[in-house]
Amino acid sequence: SIEISMYSDALHQCNDLLALYRENCSRLQQQITQLRQLAPKEDVAALFKQLEEEKLEHAKKRCSLAIEREKLQMVESEATVLRKQLEREKATFENAFGLLNSKALADSSRSEDLLAKCTALEALCSRREEELVSKEHCIQGLQLKLAQTQETHKRQLEEMNIKMQQELYMAKMLKQKPK
């Protein structure tokens, strides 16, 4: 861009010089025509020599201008190639960035889903733990009640055994008395 600007400025300067040269040539030719009518041959020869020198300078400047134009065209074509390359790289970058952004969003969504599932599972585990604790208390209460009931039944059986033995003893005593 800077090189193009420099070559463009150089091209304008060369064009300005060329215009000045043409203007000078035109003036000199007018002067030559006037001098031919008024001036001696030596002055005319000097003016022709000056005209030839300016034509030579003009040719040199035209050649220099052509070289500068060529350089400018080369720089412009390089700039076009670089612009296209930059556009391709930009498109590639934007595509890659879009893919990474989509992947990051998908990963974020997936992690949010997993977090929600994990929270739900933790809540379920907590409820189940509370249920287990409640059932353990219930089991302990039932075991205590069972132990008490077993103890009561054992005592009742012992009492019934004693009562039965007493009744057997009484019956045996009653059978032995009448004799």
Protein backbone atom coordinates (compact mmCIF):
# COMPACT_ATOMS: atom_id res chain seq x y z
CA SER A 1 0.00 0.00 0.00
CA ILE A 2 2.86 2.38 0.88
CA GLU A 3 4.85 1.16 -2.13
CA ILE A 4 1.82 1.68 -4.38
CA SER A 5 1.40 5.19 -2.98
CA MET A 6 5.11 5.94 -3.57
CA TYR A 7 4.97 4.62 -7.14
CA SER A 8 1.75 6.52 -7.75
CA ASP A 9 3.38 9.74 -6.50
CA ALA A 10 6.44 9.04 -8.66
CA LEU A 11 4.17 8.43 -11.65
CA HIS A 12 2.37 11.75 -11.08
CA GLN A 13 5.69 13.56 -10.73
CA CYS A 14 6.96 11.99 -13.96
CA ASN A 15 3.73 12.96 -15.73
CA ASP A 16 4.12 16.53 -14.42
CA LEU A 17 7.73 16.64 -15.64
CA LEU A 18 6.68 15.27 -19.00
CA ALA A 19 3.99 17.97 -19.31
CA LEU A 20 6.57 20.65 -18.39
CA TYR A 21 9.01 19.21 -20.90
CA ARG A 22 6.40 19.24 -23.67
CA GLU A 23 5.48 22.78 -22.75
CA ASN A 24 9.17 23.78 -22.88
CA CYS A 25 9.62 22.00 -26.20
CA SER A 26 6.63 23.78 -27.62
CA ARG A 27 7.94 27.15 -26.37
CA LEU A 28 11.38 26.40 -27.74
CA GLN A 29 9.97 25.49 -31.13
CA GLN A 30 8.02 28.75 -31.16
CA GLN A 31 11.19 30.60 -30.15
CA ILE A 32 13.11 28.78 -32.88
CA THR A 33 10.56 29.80 -35.44
CA GLN A 34 10.70 33.39 -34.23
CA LEU A 35 14.47 33.35 -34.03
CA ARG A 36 14.85 31.93 -37.52
CA GLN A 37 13.13 34.96 -38.68
CA LEU A 38 15.15 37.29 -36.47
CA ALA A 39 18.28 35.48 -35.28
CA PRO A 40 21.52 34.54 -36.92
CA LYS A 41 22.31 30.93 -37.87
CA GLU A 42 24.60 30.35 -34.86
CA ASP A 43 21.80 31.16 -32.45
CA VAL A 44 19.50 28.84 -34.35
CA ALA A 45 22.11 26.08 -34.22
CA ALA A 46 22.48 26.60 -30.44
CA LEU A 47 18.73 26.45 -30.02
CA PHE A 48 18.58 23.26 -32.10
CA LYS A 49 21.30 21.78 -29.93
CA GLN A 50 19.34 22.79 -26.81
CA LEU A 51 16.21 21.27 -28.36
CA GLU A 52 18.03 18.01 -29.07
CA GLU A 53 19.33 17.90 -25.47
CA GLU A 54 15.84 18.44 -24.14
CA LYS A 55 14.50 15.72 -26.48
CA LEU A 56 17.19 13.39 -25.10
CA GLU A 57 16.20 14.33 -21.52
CA HIS A 58 12.57 13.78 -22.48
CA ALA A 59 13.38 10.30 -23.84
CA LYS A 60 15.29 9.45 -20.63
CA LYS A 61 12.37 10.61 -18.50
CA ARG A 62 9.92 8.66 -20.66
CA CYS A 63 12.05 5.54 -20.18
CA SER A 64 12.24 6.17 -16.43
CA LEU A 65 8.47 6.69 -16.37
CA ALA A 66 7.90 3.37 -18.21
CA ILE A 67 10.13 1.59 -15.67
CA GLU A 68 8.22 3.18 -12.79
CA ARG A 69 4.90 2.19 -14.42
CA GLU A 70 6.14 -1.38 -14.71
CA LYS A 71 7.19 -1.39 -11.04
CA LEU A 72 3.80 0.03 -10.08
CA GLN A 73 1.98 -2.70 -12.02
CA MET A 74 4.12 -5.35 -10.34
CA VAL A 75 3.38 -3.90 -6.89
CA GLU A 76 -0.34 -3.69 -7.72
CA SER A 77 -0.41 -7.34 -8.85
CA GLU A 78 1.50 -8.40 -5.70
CA ALA A 79 -0.96 -6.41 -3.60
CA THR A 80 -3.88 -8.14 -5.35
CA VAL A 81 -2.34 -11.57 -4.74
CA LEU A 82 -1.69 -10.71 -1.07
CA ARG A 83 -5.24 -9.33 -0.67
CA LYS A 84 -6.71 -12.58 -2.06
CA GLN A 85 -4.42 -14.66 0.16
CA LEU A 86 -5.45 -12.58 3.18
CA GLU A 87 -9.14 -13.08 2.32
CA ARG A 88 -8.62 -16.86 2.04
CA GLU A 89 -6.76 -16.95 5.37
CA LYS A 90 -9.44 -14.79 6.98
CA ALA A 91 -12.17 -17.13 5.70
CA THR A 92 -10.21 -20.15 6.96
CA PHE A 93 -9.73 -18.50 10.36
CA GLU A 94 -13.40 -17.52 10.62
CA ASN A 95 -14.45 -21.06 9.68
CA ALA A 96 -12.08 -22.60 12.25
CA PHE A 97 -13.18 -20.08 14.88
CA GLY A 98 -16.83 -20.85 14.15
CA LEU A 99 -16.20 -24.58 14.53
CA LEU A 100 -14.33 -24.08 17.80
CA ASN A 101 -17.03 -21.74 19.07
CA SER A 102 -19.74 -24.29 18.17
CA LYS A 103 -17.75 -27.05 19.88
CA ALA A 104 -17.27 -24.90 22.99
CA LEU A 105 -21.02 -24.18 23.11
CA ALA A 106 -21.81 -27.88 22.67
CA ASP A 107 -19.29 -28.80 25.39
CA SER A 108 -20.75 -26.14 27.67
CA SER A 109 -24.27 -27.44 27.04
CA ARG A 110 -23.12 -31.02 27.62
CA SER A 111 -21.38 -30.07 30.87
CA GLU A 112 -24.53 -28.23 32.01
CA ASP A 113 -26.58 -31.36 31.21
CA LEU A 114 -24.12 -33.54 33.12
CA LEU A 115 -24.16 -31.12 36.04
CA ALA A 116 -27.97 -31.19 36.10
CA LYS A 117 -27.95 -35.01 36.00
CA CYS A 118 -25.33 -35.12 38.75
CA THR A 119 -27.41 -32.77 40.91
CA ALA A 120 -30.51 -34.91 40.31
CA LEU A 121 -28.57 -38.07 41.23
CA GLU A 122 -27.22 -36.41 44.38
CA ALA A 123 -30.76 -35.43 45.39
CA LEU A 124 -31.95 -39.01 44.69
CA CYS A 125 -29.07 -40.45 46.73
CA SER A 126 -29.87 -38.08 49.58
CA ARG A 127 -33.56 -39.12 49.54
CA ARG A 128 -32.63 -42.80 49.43
CA GLU A 129 -30.18 -42.32 52.29
CA GLU A 130 -32.91 -40.65 54.34
CA GLU A 131 -35.26 -43.54 53.48
CA LEU A 132 -32.59 -46.05 54.54
CA VAL A 133 -32.03 -44.24 57.84
CA SER A 134 -35.80 -44.16 58.41
CA LYS A 135 -36.12 -47.87 57.59
CA GLU A 136 -33.17 -48.69 59.86
CA HIS A 137 -34.94 -46.87 62.73
CA CYS A 138 -38.11 -48.75 61.89
CA ILE A 139 -36.21 -52.07 61.81
CA GLN A 140 -34.56 -51.28 65.15
CA GLY A 141 -37.98 -50.47 66.62
CA LEU A 142 -39.43 -53.71 65.24
CA GLN A 143 -36.43 -55.70 66.51
CA LEU A 144 -36.92 -54.16 69.95
CA LYS A 145 -40.66 -54.95 69.83
CA LEU A 146 -39.88 -58.50 68.64
CA ALA A 147 -37.39 -58.96 71.47
CA GLN A 148 -39.98 -57.68 73.96
CA THR A 149 -42.67 -59.90 72.44
CA GLN A 150 -40.35 -62.91 72.57
CA GLU A 151 -39.52 -62.13 76.18
CA THR A 152 -43.22 -61.81 76.99
CA HIS A 153 -44.02 -65.10 75.25
CA LYS A 154 -41.13 -66.79 77.02
CA ARG A 155 -42.43 -65.58 80.38
CA GLN A 156 -45.95 -66.61 79.45
CA LEU A 157 -44.70 -70.05 78.43
CA GLU A 158 -42.77 -70.36 81.67
CA GLU A 159 -45.84 -69.27 83.64
CA MET A 160 -48.02 -71.74 81.71
CA ASN A 161 -45.45 -74.45 82.35
CA ILE A 162 -45.47 -73.66 86.05
CA LYS A 163 -49.28 -73.54 86.06
CA MET A 164 -49.45 -76.84 84.20
CA GLN A 165 -47.04 -78.43 86.64
CA GLN A 166 -49.07 -77.05 89.51
CA GLU A 167 -52.25 -78.43 87.96
CA LEU A 168 -50.61 -81.83 87.39
CA TYR A 169 -49.35 -81.81 90.92
CA MET A 170 -52.80 -80.89 92.20
CA ALA A 171 -54.43 -83.53 90.08
CA LYS A 172 -51.96 -86.10 91.28
CA MET A 173 -52.57 -85.07 94.86
CA LEU A 174 -56.27 -85.24 94.45
CA LYS A 175 -56.04 -88.77 93.07
CA GLN A 176 -53.91 -89.88 95.97
CA LYS A 177 -56.07 -88.45 98.77
CA PRO A 178 -59.15 -90.66 98.55
CA LYS A 179 -57.34 -93.75 99.38
